[in-house]
Amino acid sequence: GEAELAKMSTVDNLALLSVPLSIHHGTDDALVPHEWSVDLADRLEKAGVPHRFYSYEGEDHNLSREGFRLALARDELFFRERMDRSPR
């Protein structure tokens, strides 16, 4: 039923996330509405989930123009900032 679906819903259980998220989305994405990522970032903020949301003006689903390189650079920095640097 509906209660069971809510238990499996990602957006209804964001507070259970234990890892930071990096979200990249082009404003001209024809496959996934940009508004969905805007909404997700807002929900993550309200749930206290660490995240970064990057919006790319005029970019499509694949960030085919200049956004792809920028997204890679941003992700590299995002993950480097979070790498476990403790000795093993």
PDB file of N, CA and C in Angstrom:
ATOM      1  N   GLY A   1       0.802  -1.178   0.000  1.00  0.00           N
ATOM      2  CA  GLY A   1       0.000   0.000   0.000  1.00  0.00           C
ATOM      3  C   GLY A   1       0.859   1.262   0.000  1.00  0.00           C
ATOM      4  N   GLU A   2       0.199   2.351   0.204  1.00  0.00           N
ATOM      5  CA  GLU A   2       0.861   3.650   0.188  1.00  0.00           C
ATOM      6  C   GLU A   2       1.874   3.799   1.320  1.00  0.00           C
ATOM      7  N   ALA A   3       1.565   3.259   2.484  1.00  0.00           N
ATOM      8  CA  ALA A   3       2.493   3.336   3.623  1.00  0.00           C
ATOM      9  C   ALA A   3       3.778   2.566   3.330  1.00  0.00           C
ATOM     10  N   GLU A   4       3.651   1.439   2.658  1.00  0.00           N
ATOM     11  CA  GLU A   4       4.832   0.643   2.300  1.00  0.00           C
ATOM     12  C   GLU A   4       5.710   1.382   1.289  1.00  0.00           C
ATOM     13  N   LEU A   5       5.075   2.041   0.319  1.00  0.00           N
ATOM     14  CA  LEU A   5       5.830   2.808  -0.667  1.00  0.00           C
ATOM     15  C   LEU A   5       6.579   3.959  -0.006  1.00  0.00           C
ATOM     16  N   ALA A   6       5.964   4.604   0.967  1.00  0.00           N
ATOM     17  CA  ALA A   6       6.610   5.719   1.665  1.00  0.00           C
ATOM     18  C   ALA A   6       7.867   5.255   2.393  1.00  0.00           C
ATOM     19  N   LYS A   7       7.862   4.028   2.906  1.00  0.00           N
ATOM     20  CA  LYS A   7       9.041   3.488   3.597  1.00  0.00           C
ATOM     21  C   LYS A   7      10.217   3.303   2.645  1.00  0.00           C
ATOM     22  N   MET A   8       9.929   3.068   1.364  1.00  0.00           N
ATOM     23  CA  MET A   8      10.981   2.830   0.373  1.00  0.00           C
ATOM     24  C   MET A   8      11.361   4.087  -0.392  1.00  0.00           C
ATOM     25  N   SER A   9      10.622   5.149  -0.221  1.00  0.00           N
ATOM     26  CA  SER A   9      10.845   6.384  -0.962  1.00  0.00           C
ATOM     27  C   SER A   9      12.119   7.079  -0.501  1.00  0.00           C
ATOM     28  N   THR A  10      12.994   7.390  -1.451  1.00  0.00           N
ATOM     29  CA  THR A  10      14.229   8.090  -1.111  1.00  0.00           C
ATOM     30  C   THR A  10      13.931   9.477  -0.557  1.00  0.00           C
ATOM     31  N   VAL A  11      13.096  10.245  -1.226  1.00  0.00           N
ATOM     32  CA  VAL A  11      12.848  11.615  -0.793  1.00  0.00           C
ATOM     33  C   VAL A  11      12.106  11.702   0.531  1.00  0.00           C
ATOM     34  N   ASP A  12      11.406  10.649   0.915  1.00  0.00           N
ATOM     35  CA  ASP A  12      10.718  10.645   2.204  1.00  0.00           C
ATOM     36  C   ASP A  12      11.623  10.172   3.332  1.00  0.00           C
ATOM     37  N   ASN A  13      12.825   9.733   3.004  1.00  0.00           N
ATOM     38  CA  ASN A  13      13.743   9.198   4.017  1.00  0.00           C
ATOM     39  C   ASN A  13      15.143   9.796   3.908  1.00  0.00           C
ATOM     40  N   LEU A  14      15.239  11.041   3.492  1.00  0.00           N
ATOM     41  CA  LEU A  14      16.535  11.679   3.283  1.00  0.00           C
ATOM     42  C   LEU A  14      17.369  11.749   4.560  1.00  0.00           C
ATOM     43  N   ALA A  15      16.726  11.866   5.705  1.00  0.00           N
ATOM     44  CA  ALA A  15      17.462  11.959   6.968  1.00  0.00           C
ATOM     45  C   ALA A  15      18.256  10.683   7.260  1.00  0.00           C
ATOM     46  N   LEU A  16      17.958   9.594   6.568  1.00  0.00           N
ATOM     47  CA  LEU A  16      18.693   8.343   6.772  1.00  0.00           C
ATOM     48  C   LEU A  16      20.012   8.309   6.011  1.00  0.00           C
ATOM     49  N   LEU A  17      20.227   9.264   5.111  1.00  0.00           N
ATOM     50  CA  LEU A  17      21.472   9.304   4.343  1.00  0.00           C
ATOM     51  C   LEU A  17      22.644   9.609   5.269  1.00  0.00           C
ATOM     52  N   SER A  18      23.740   8.898   5.061  1.00  0.00           N
ATOM     53  CA  SER A  18      24.903   9.100   5.928  1.00  0.00           C
ATOM     54  C   SER A  18      26.131   9.572   5.151  1.00  0.00           C
ATOM     55  N   VAL A  19      25.957   9.883   3.878  1.00  0.00           N
ATOM     56  CA  VAL A  19      27.074  10.362   3.062  1.00  0.00           C
ATOM     57  C   VAL A  19      26.686  11.685   2.416  1.00  0.00           C
ATOM     58  N   PRO A  20      27.661  12.574   2.217  1.00  0.00           N
ATOM     59  CA  PRO A  20      27.365  13.830   1.522  1.00  0.00           C
ATOM     60  C   PRO A  20      27.064  13.569   0.048  1.00  0.00           C
ATOM     61  N   LEU A  21      26.238  14.409  -0.531  1.00  0.00           N
ATOM     62  CA  LEU A  21      25.852  14.260  -1.927  1.00  0.00           C
ATOM     63  C   LEU A  21      26.312  15.455  -2.746  1.00  0.00           C
ATOM     64  N   SER A  22      26.688  15.187  -3.975  1.00  0.00           N
ATOM     65  CA  SER A  22      27.029  16.220  -4.936  1.00  0.00           C
ATOM     66  C   SER A  22      26.062  16.080  -6.106  1.00  0.00           C
ATOM     67  N   ILE A  23      25.305  17.148  -6.374  1.00  0.00           N
ATOM     68  CA  ILE A  23      24.273  17.112  -7.407  1.00  0.00           C
ATOM     69  C   ILE A  23      24.608  18.146  -8.475  1.00  0.00           C
ATOM     70  N   HIS A  24      24.588  17.722  -9.728  1.00  0.00           N
ATOM     71  CA  HIS A  24      24.838  18.603 -10.864  1.00  0.00           C
ATOM     72  C   HIS A  24      23.655  18.485 -11.816  1.00  0.00           C
ATOM     73  N   HIS A  25      23.123  19.638 -12.280  1.00  0.00           N
ATOM     74  CA  HIS A  25      21.958  19.563 -13.162  1.00  0.00           C
ATOM     75  C   HIS A  25      21.934  20.764 -14.105  1.00  0.00           C
ATOM     76  N   GLY A  26      21.756  20.485 -15.386  1.00  0.00           N
ATOM     77  CA  GLY A  26      21.621  21.535 -16.389  1.00  0.00           C
ATOM     78  C   GLY A  26      20.203  22.068 -16.432  1.00  0.00           C
ATOM     79  N   THR A  27      20.073  23.363 -16.624  1.00  0.00           N
ATOM     80  CA  THR A  27      18.736  23.969 -16.646  1.00  0.00           C
ATOM     81  C   THR A  27      17.940  23.604 -17.897  1.00  0.00           C
ATOM     82  N   ASP A  28      18.619  23.166 -18.962  1.00  0.00           N
ATOM     83  CA  ASP A  28      17.932  22.769 -20.194  1.00  0.00           C
ATOM     84  C   ASP A  28      17.864  21.251 -20.367  1.00  0.00           C
ATOM     85  N   ASP A  29      17.882  20.521 -19.264  1.00  0.00           N
ATOM     86  CA  ASP A  29      17.783  19.062 -19.291  1.00  0.00           C
ATOM     87  C   ASP A  29      16.386  18.672 -19.781  1.00  0.00           C
ATOM     88  N   ALA A  30      16.325  17.960 -20.905  1.00  0.00           N
ATOM     89  CA  ALA A  30      15.040  17.540 -21.471  1.00  0.00           C
ATOM     90  C   ALA A  30      14.593  16.182 -20.945  1.00  0.00           C
ATOM     91  N   LEU A  31      15.458  15.480 -20.197  1.00  0.00           N
ATOM     92  CA  LEU A  31      15.128  14.150 -19.686  1.00  0.00           C
ATOM     93  C   LEU A  31      14.635  14.168 -18.244  1.00  0.00           C
ATOM     94  N   VAL A  32      15.279  14.975 -17.413  1.00  0.00           N
ATOM     95  CA  VAL A  32      14.916  15.077 -15.997  1.00  0.00           C
ATOM     96  C   VAL A  32      14.695  16.559 -15.687  1.00  0.00           C
ATOM     97  N   PRO A  33      13.522  16.921 -15.218  1.00  0.00           N
ATOM     98  CA  PRO A  33      13.260  18.333 -14.949  1.00  0.00           C
ATOM     99  C   PRO A  33      14.238  18.923 -13.931  1.00  0.00           C
ATOM    100  N   HIS A  34      14.805  20.060 -14.262  1.00  0.00           N
ATOM    101  CA  HIS A  34      15.739  20.753 -13.376  1.00  0.00           C
ATOM    102  C   HIS A  34      15.098  21.015 -12.011  1.00  0.00           C
ATOM    103  N   GLU A  35      13.808  21.280 -12.005  1.00  0.00           N
ATOM    104  CA  GLU A  35      13.094  21.565 -10.767  1.00  0.00           C
ATOM    105  C   GLU A  35      13.187  20.418  -9.771  1.00  0.00           C
ATOM    106  N   TRP A  36      13.328  19.185 -10.269  1.00  0.00           N
ATOM    107  CA  TRP A  36      13.443  18.039  -9.369  1.00  0.00           C
ATOM    108  C   TRP A  36      14.705  18.149  -8.514  1.00  0.00           C
ATOM    109  N   SER A  37      15.798  18.582  -9.120  1.00  0.00           N
ATOM    110  CA  SER A  37      17.037  18.729  -8.354  1.00  0.00           C
ATOM    111  C   SER A  37      16.970  19.927  -7.416  1.00  0.00           C
ATOM    112  N   VAL A  38      16.298  20.984  -7.849  1.00  0.00           N
ATOM    113  CA  VAL A  38      16.106  22.130  -6.969  1.00  0.00           C
ATOM    114  C   VAL A  38      15.325  21.689  -5.739  1.00  0.00           C
ATOM    115  N   ASP A  39      14.257  20.922  -5.956  1.00  0.00           N
ATOM    116  CA  ASP A  39      13.443  20.403  -4.859  1.00  0.00           C
ATOM    117  C   ASP A  39      14.248  19.455  -3.970  1.00  0.00           C
ATOM    118  N   LEU A  40      15.031  18.577  -4.592  1.00  0.00           N
ATOM    119  CA  LEU A  40      15.841  17.641  -3.819  1.00  0.00           C
ATOM    120  C   LEU A  40      16.847  18.393  -2.949  1.00  0.00           C
ATOM    121  N   ALA A  41      17.515  19.381  -3.498  1.00  0.00           N
ATOM    122  CA  ALA A  41      18.489  20.160  -2.725  1.00  0.00           C
ATOM    123  C   ALA A  41      17.804  20.852  -1.545  1.00  0.00           C
ATOM    124  N   ASP A  42      16.609  21.351  -1.763  1.00  0.00           N
ATOM    125  CA  ASP A  42      15.850  21.990  -0.681  1.00  0.00           C
ATOM    126  C   ASP A  42      15.505  20.984   0.411  1.00  0.00           C
ATOM    127  N   ARG A  43      15.084  19.797   0.001  1.00  0.00           N
ATOM    128  CA  ARG A  43      14.750  18.744   0.971  1.00  0.00           C
ATOM    129  C   ARG A  43      15.988  18.289   1.741  1.00  0.00           C
ATOM    130  N   LEU A  44      17.128  18.175   1.045  1.00  0.00           N
ATOM    131  CA  LEU A  44      18.368  17.791   1.710  1.00  0.00           C
ATOM    132  C   LEU A  44      18.761  18.835   2.746  1.00  0.00           C
ATOM    133  N   GLU A  45      18.602  20.096   2.390  1.00  0.00           N
ATOM    134  CA  GLU A  45      18.907  21.192   3.316  1.00  0.00           C
ATOM    135  C   GLU A  45      18.049  21.078   4.566  1.00  0.00           C
ATOM    136  N   LYS A  46      16.753  20.883   4.369  1.00  0.00           N
ATOM    137  CA  LYS A  46      15.819  20.791   5.498  1.00  0.00           C
ATOM    138  C   LYS A  46      16.093  19.560   6.356  1.00  0.00           C
ATOM    139  N   ALA A  47      16.583  18.474   5.740  1.00  0.00           N
ATOM    140  CA  ALA A  47      16.877  17.236   6.474  1.00  0.00           C
ATOM    141  C   ALA A  47      18.255  17.279   7.132  1.00  0.00           C
ATOM    142  N   GLY A  48      19.035  18.334   6.842  1.00  0.00           N
ATOM    143  CA  GLY A  48      20.367  18.442   7.428  1.00  0.00           C
ATOM    144  C   GLY A  48      21.392  17.519   6.799  1.00  0.00           C
ATOM    145  N   VAL A  49      21.146  17.100   5.565  1.00  0.00           N
ATOM    146  CA  VAL A  49      22.070  16.208   4.864  1.00  0.00           C
ATOM    147  C   VAL A  49      23.131  17.055   4.154  1.00  0.00           C
ATOM    148  N   PRO A  50      24.418  16.809   4.428  1.00  0.00           N
ATOM    149  CA  PRO A  50      25.458  17.580   3.736  1.00  0.00           C
ATOM    150  C   PRO A  50      25.397  17.334   2.228  1.00  0.00           C
ATOM    151  N   HIS A  51      25.428  18.405   1.478  1.00  0.00           N
ATOM    152  CA  HIS A  51      25.338  18.280   0.022  1.00  0.00           C
ATOM    153  C   HIS A  51      25.828  19.556  -0.635  1.00  0.00           C
ATOM    154  N   ARG A  52      26.057  19.433  -1.935  1.00  0.00           N
ATOM    155  CA  ARG A  52      26.303  20.592  -2.790  1.00  0.00           C
ATOM    156  C   ARG A  52      25.443  20.412  -4.026  1.00  0.00           C
ATOM    157  N   PHE A  53      24.805  21.486  -4.419  1.00  0.00           N
ATOM    158  CA  PHE A  53      23.964  21.460  -5.606  1.00  0.00           C
ATOM    159  C   PHE A  53      24.494  22.494  -6.582  1.00  0.00           C
ATOM    160  N   TYR A  54      24.812  22.037  -7.778  1.00  0.00           N
ATOM    161  CA  TYR A  54      25.312  22.908  -8.831  1.00  0.00           C
ATOM    162  C   TYR A  54      24.327  22.915  -9.983  1.00  0.00           C
ATOM    163  N   SER A  55      23.941  24.101 -10.391  1.00  0.00           N
ATOM    164  CA  SER A  55      23.033  24.282 -11.507  1.00  0.00           C
ATOM    165  C   SER A  55      23.827  24.891 -12.656  1.00  0.00           C
ATOM    166  N   TYR A  56      23.619  24.350 -13.860  1.00  0.00           N
ATOM    167  CA  TYR A  56      24.375  24.783 -15.031  1.00  0.00           C
ATOM    168  C   TYR A  56      23.426  25.402 -16.050  1.00  0.00           C
ATOM    169  N   GLU A  57      23.488  26.700 -16.139  1.00  0.00           N
ATOM    170  CA  GLU A  57      22.601  27.456 -17.027  1.00  0.00           C
ATOM    171  C   GLU A  57      22.813  27.053 -18.485  1.00  0.00           C
ATOM    172  N   GLY A  58      21.722  26.668 -19.157  1.00  0.00           N
ATOM    173  CA  GLY A  58      21.760  26.338 -20.575  1.00  0.00           C
ATOM    174  C   GLY A  58      22.329  24.968 -20.911  1.00  0.00           C
ATOM    175  N   GLU A  59      22.680  24.186 -19.902  1.00  0.00           N
ATOM    176  CA  GLU A  59      23.257  22.855 -20.152  1.00  0.00           C
ATOM    177  C   GLU A  59      22.158  21.799 -20.243  1.00  0.00           C
ATOM    178  N   ASP A  60      22.443  20.748 -21.025  1.00  0.00           N
ATOM    179  CA  ASP A  60      21.495  19.647 -21.187  1.00  0.00           C
ATOM    180  C   ASP A  60      21.748  18.561 -20.136  1.00  0.00           C
ATOM    181  N   HIS A  61      21.144  17.396 -20.335  1.00  0.00           N
ATOM    182  CA  HIS A  61      21.244  16.288 -19.385  1.00  0.00           C
ATOM    183  C   HIS A  61      22.693  15.821 -19.181  1.00  0.00           C
ATOM    184  N   ASN A  62      23.490  15.874 -20.222  1.00  0.00           N
ATOM    185  CA  ASN A  62      24.879  15.400 -20.158  1.00  0.00           C
ATOM    186  C   ASN A  62      25.895  16.512 -19.908  1.00  0.00           C
ATOM    187  N   LEU A  63      25.409  17.699 -19.649  1.00  0.00           N
ATOM    188  CA  LEU A  63      26.292  18.856 -19.465  1.00  0.00           C
ATOM    189  C   LEU A  63      27.269  18.930 -20.627  1.00  0.00           C
ATOM    190  N   SER A  64      26.720  18.869 -21.831  1.00  0.00           N
ATOM    191  CA  SER A  64      27.506  18.702 -23.058  1.00  0.00           C
ATOM    192  C   SER A  64      28.313  19.916 -23.479  1.00  0.00           C
ATOM    193  N   ARG A  65      27.974  21.060 -22.977  1.00  0.00           N
ATOM    194  CA  ARG A  65      28.712  22.245 -23.414  1.00  0.00           C
ATOM    195  C   ARG A  65      29.972  22.388 -22.568  1.00  0.00           C
ATOM    196  N   GLU A  66      30.019  23.347 -21.709  1.00  0.00           N
ATOM    197  CA  GLU A  66      31.202  23.561 -20.874  1.00  0.00           C
ATOM    198  C   GLU A  66      31.026  22.996 -19.472  1.00  0.00           C
ATOM    199  N   GLY A  67      29.819  22.621 -19.125  1.00  0.00           N
ATOM    200  CA  GLY A  67      29.512  22.188 -17.768  1.00  0.00           C
ATOM    201  C   GLY A  67      30.173  20.899 -17.340  1.00  0.00           C
ATOM    202  N   PHE A  68      30.418  19.984 -18.274  1.00  0.00           N
ATOM    203  CA  PHE A  68      30.950  18.675 -17.903  1.00  0.00           C
ATOM    204  C   PHE A  68      32.309  18.791 -17.219  1.00  0.00           C
ATOM    205  N   ARG A  69      33.214  19.571 -17.800  1.00  0.00           N
ATOM    206  CA  ARG A  69      34.550  19.739 -17.201  1.00  0.00           C
ATOM    207  C   ARG A  69      34.461  20.414 -15.837  1.00  0.00           C
ATOM    208  N   LEU A  70      33.593  21.396 -15.729  1.00  0.00           N
ATOM    209  CA  LEU A  70      33.416  22.083 -14.459  1.00  0.00           C
ATOM    210  C   LEU A  70      32.848  21.125 -13.411  1.00  0.00           C
ATOM    211  N   ALA A  71      31.895  20.295 -13.819  1.00  0.00           N
ATOM    212  CA  ALA A  71      31.318  19.315 -12.892  1.00  0.00           C
ATOM    213  C   ALA A  71      32.387  18.337 -12.404  1.00  0.00           C
ATOM    214  N   LEU A  72      33.244  17.872 -13.301  1.00  0.00           N
ATOM    215  CA  LEU A  72      34.316  16.965 -12.889  1.00  0.00           C
ATOM    216  C   LEU A  72      35.263  17.637 -11.909  1.00  0.00           C
ATOM    217  N   ALA A  73      35.634  18.875 -12.173  1.00  0.00           N
ATOM    218  CA  ALA A  73      36.530  19.601 -11.270  1.00  0.00           C
ATOM    219  C   ALA A  73      35.873  19.804  -9.904  1.00  0.00           C
ATOM    220  N   ARG A  74      34.596  20.140  -9.920  1.00  0.00           N
ATOM    221  CA  ARG A  74      33.884  20.327  -8.655  1.00  0.00           C
ATOM    222  C   ARG A  74      33.777  19.026  -7.877  1.00  0.00           C
ATOM    223  N   ASP A  75      33.499  17.921  -8.568  1.00  0.00           N
ATOM    224  CA  ASP A  75      33.432  16.627  -7.892  1.00  0.00           C
ATOM    225  C   ASP A  75      34.783  16.210  -7.333  1.00  0.00           C
ATOM    226  N   GLU A  76      35.842  16.458  -8.088  1.00  0.00           N
ATOM    227  CA  GLU A  76      37.166  16.113  -7.580  1.00  0.00           C
ATOM    228  C   GLU A  76      37.428  16.852  -6.267  1.00  0.00           C
ATOM    229  N   LEU A  77      37.146  18.134  -6.228  1.00  0.00           N
ATOM    230  CA  LEU A  77      37.331  18.915  -5.009  1.00  0.00           C
ATOM    231  C   LEU A  77      36.417  18.404  -3.902  1.00  0.00           C
ATOM    232  N   PHE A  78      35.162  18.121  -4.240  1.00  0.00           N
ATOM    233  CA  PHE A  78      34.175  17.625  -3.278  1.00  0.00           C
ATOM    234  C   PHE A  78      34.679  16.357  -2.597  1.00  0.00           C
ATOM    235  N   PHE A  79      35.176  15.398  -3.394  1.00  0.00           N
ATOM    236  CA  PHE A  79      35.624  14.133  -2.821  1.00  0.00           C
ATOM    237  C   PHE A  79      36.978  14.260  -2.122  1.00  0.00           C
ATOM    238  N   ARG A  80      37.876  15.082  -2.632  1.00  0.00           N
ATOM    239  CA  ARG A  80      39.163  15.305  -1.962  1.00  0.00           C
ATOM    240  C   ARG A  80      38.958  15.903  -0.567  1.00  0.00           C
ATOM    241  N   GLU A  81      37.998  16.804  -0.445  1.00  0.00           N
ATOM    242  CA  GLU A  81      37.703  17.416   0.851  1.00  0.00           C
ATOM    243  C   GLU A  81      37.184  16.388   1.850  1.00  0.00           C
ATOM    244  N   ARG A  82      36.638  15.296   1.372  1.00  0.00           N
ATOM    245  CA  ARG A  82      36.014  14.316   2.251  1.00  0.00           C
ATOM    246  C   ARG A  82      36.782  13.006   2.394  1.00  0.00           C
ATOM    247  N   MET A  83      37.916  12.911   1.729  1.00  0.00           N
ATOM    248  CA  MET A  83      38.684  11.658   1.783  1.00  0.00           C
ATOM    249  C   MET A  83      39.205  11.406   3.191  1.00  0.00           C
ATOM    250  N   ASP A  84      39.174  10.162   3.582  1.00  0.00           N
ATOM    251  CA  ASP A  84      39.733   9.753   4.861  1.00  0.00           C
ATOM    252  C   ASP A  84      41.240   9.744   4.734  1.00  0.00           C
ATOM    253  N   ARG A  85      41.892  10.613   5.454  1.00  0.00           N
ATOM    254  CA  ARG A  85      43.344  10.717   5.368  1.00  0.00           C
ATOM    255  C   ARG A  85      44.039  10.085   6.572  1.00  0.00           C
ATOM    256  N   SER A  86      43.304   9.305   7.333  1.00  0.00           N
ATOM    257  CA  SER A  86      43.915   8.679   8.519  1.00  0.00           C
ATOM    258  C   SER A  86      44.849   7.554   8.084  1.00  0.00           C
ATOM    259  N   PRO A  87      45.932   7.338   8.857  1.00  0.00           N
ATOM    260  CA  PRO A  87      46.875   6.250   8.512  1.00  0.00           C
ATOM    261  C   PRO A  87      46.206   4.902   8.653  1.00  0.00           C
ATOM    262  N   ARG A  88      46.635   3.975   7.829  1.00  0.00           N
ATOM    263  CA  ARG A  88      46.049   2.616   7.878  1.00  0.00           C
ATOM    264  C   ARG A  88      47.063   1.625   8.381  1.00  0.00           C
TER     265      ARG A  88
END
